[in-house]
Amino acid sequence: MSTNMLKKYWKTNLKYLAILLSIWFVVSYGFGILLVDELNTIRLGGFKLGFWFAQQGSMYVFVILIFVYIRLMNALDKKYNLDD
């Protein structure tokens, strides 16, 4: 694989990481800490939504983002013929 292709591959990989980690940051820090008072006015399964995001939601989102990253990287590997 050429150096130019490797640079494109890693640039795309880093873009995926930046987007997914930004989503996780917004959910864990934003929803769980900064917006907790506003979200606590909404209830989810009997629990305040802000509390739920702080205790459970950010972990669920993180696990979902791991699976999203796997799918994105599998597609990227196929695009660059690295799916050995």
Protein backbone atom coordinates (compact mmCIF):
# COMPACT_ATOMS: atom_id res chain seq x y z
CA MET A 1 0.00 0.00 0.00
CA SER A 2 1.33 3.42 -0.90
CA THR A 3 2.17 6.06 1.68
CA ASN A 4 -0.60 8.29 0.36
CA MET A 5 -3.18 5.54 0.85
CA LEU A 6 -1.93 4.88 4.39
CA LYS A 7 -2.25 8.58 5.21
CA LYS A 8 -5.84 8.61 3.91
CA TYR A 9 -6.61 5.48 5.91
CA TRP A 10 -5.28 6.91 9.17
CA LYS A 11 -6.87 10.31 8.53
CA THR A 12 -10.25 8.61 8.16
CA ASN A 13 -9.59 6.46 11.23
CA LEU A 14 -8.74 9.54 13.31
CA LYS A 15 -11.84 11.30 12.01
CA TYR A 16 -13.99 8.38 13.16
CA LEU A 17 -12.29 8.40 16.56
CA ALA A 18 -12.77 12.15 16.99
CA ILE A 19 -16.47 11.97 16.12
CA LEU A 20 -17.20 8.95 18.31
CA LEU A 21 -15.24 10.28 21.28
CA SER A 22 -17.01 13.63 20.91
CA ILE A 23 -20.36 11.87 21.08
CA TRP A 24 -19.25 9.98 24.17
CA PHE A 25 -17.99 13.21 25.78
CA VAL A 26 -21.29 14.99 25.14
CA VAL A 27 -23.29 12.08 26.55
CA SER A 28 -21.11 11.38 29.59
CA TYR A 29 -19.98 14.87 30.57
CA GLY A 30 -22.67 17.01 28.97
CA PHE A 31 -25.74 14.94 29.81
CA GLY A 32 -24.40 13.40 33.01
CA ILE A 33 -22.93 16.55 34.59
CA LEU A 34 -23.66 19.82 32.80
CA LEU A 35 -27.27 19.25 31.77
CA VAL A 36 -28.25 17.01 34.67
CA ASP A 37 -30.70 19.50 36.24
CA GLU A 38 -32.56 20.06 32.96
CA LEU A 39 -32.65 16.34 32.19
CA ASN A 40 -33.86 15.48 35.68
CA THR A 41 -37.23 17.00 34.78
CA ILE A 42 -37.75 13.99 32.47
CA ARG A 43 -38.27 10.50 33.88
CA LEU A 44 -37.11 7.25 32.28
CA GLY A 45 -38.32 4.04 33.86
CA GLY A 46 -39.07 5.86 37.11
CA PHE A 47 -35.62 7.44 37.30
CA LYS A 48 -34.65 11.01 36.52
CA LEU A 49 -33.07 11.15 33.07
CA GLY A 50 -30.01 13.12 34.23
CA PHE A 51 -29.34 10.56 36.94
CA TRP A 52 -29.82 7.75 34.42
CA PHE A 53 -27.28 9.26 31.99
CA ALA A 54 -24.78 9.78 34.80
CA GLN A 55 -25.15 6.23 36.12
CA GLN A 56 -26.10 4.04 33.14
CA GLY A 57 -26.58 5.95 29.91
CA SER A 58 -22.99 6.94 29.29
CA MET A 59 -21.87 3.32 29.68
CA TYR A 60 -24.55 2.07 27.27
CA VAL A 61 -23.63 4.74 24.75
CA PHE A 62 -19.93 3.84 25.10
CA VAL A 63 -20.63 0.17 24.36
CA ILE A 64 -22.81 1.11 21.37
CA LEU A 65 -20.03 3.38 20.09
CA ILE A 66 -17.57 0.49 20.31
CA PHE A 67 -19.79 -1.57 17.99
CA VAL A 68 -20.23 1.42 15.66
CA TYR A 69 -16.44 1.83 15.54
CA ILE A 70 -16.02 -1.87 14.71
CA ARG A 71 -18.45 -1.58 11.81
CA LEU A 72 -16.83 1.61 10.54
CA MET A 73 -13.34 0.12 10.72
CA ASN A 74 -14.42 -3.10 9.00
CA ALA A 75 -15.83 -1.01 6.15
CA LEU A 76 -12.68 1.11 6.05
CA ASP A 77 -10.47 -1.99 6.01
CA LYS A 78 -12.45 -3.40 3.08
CA LYS A 79 -12.17 -0.08 1.24
CA TYR A 80 -8.38 -0.15 1.55
CA ASN A 81 -8.07 -3.95 1.10
CA LEU A 82 -6.80 -4.53 4.65
CA ASP A 83 -9.48 -7.04 5.64
CA ASP A 84 -7.24 -10.10 5.93
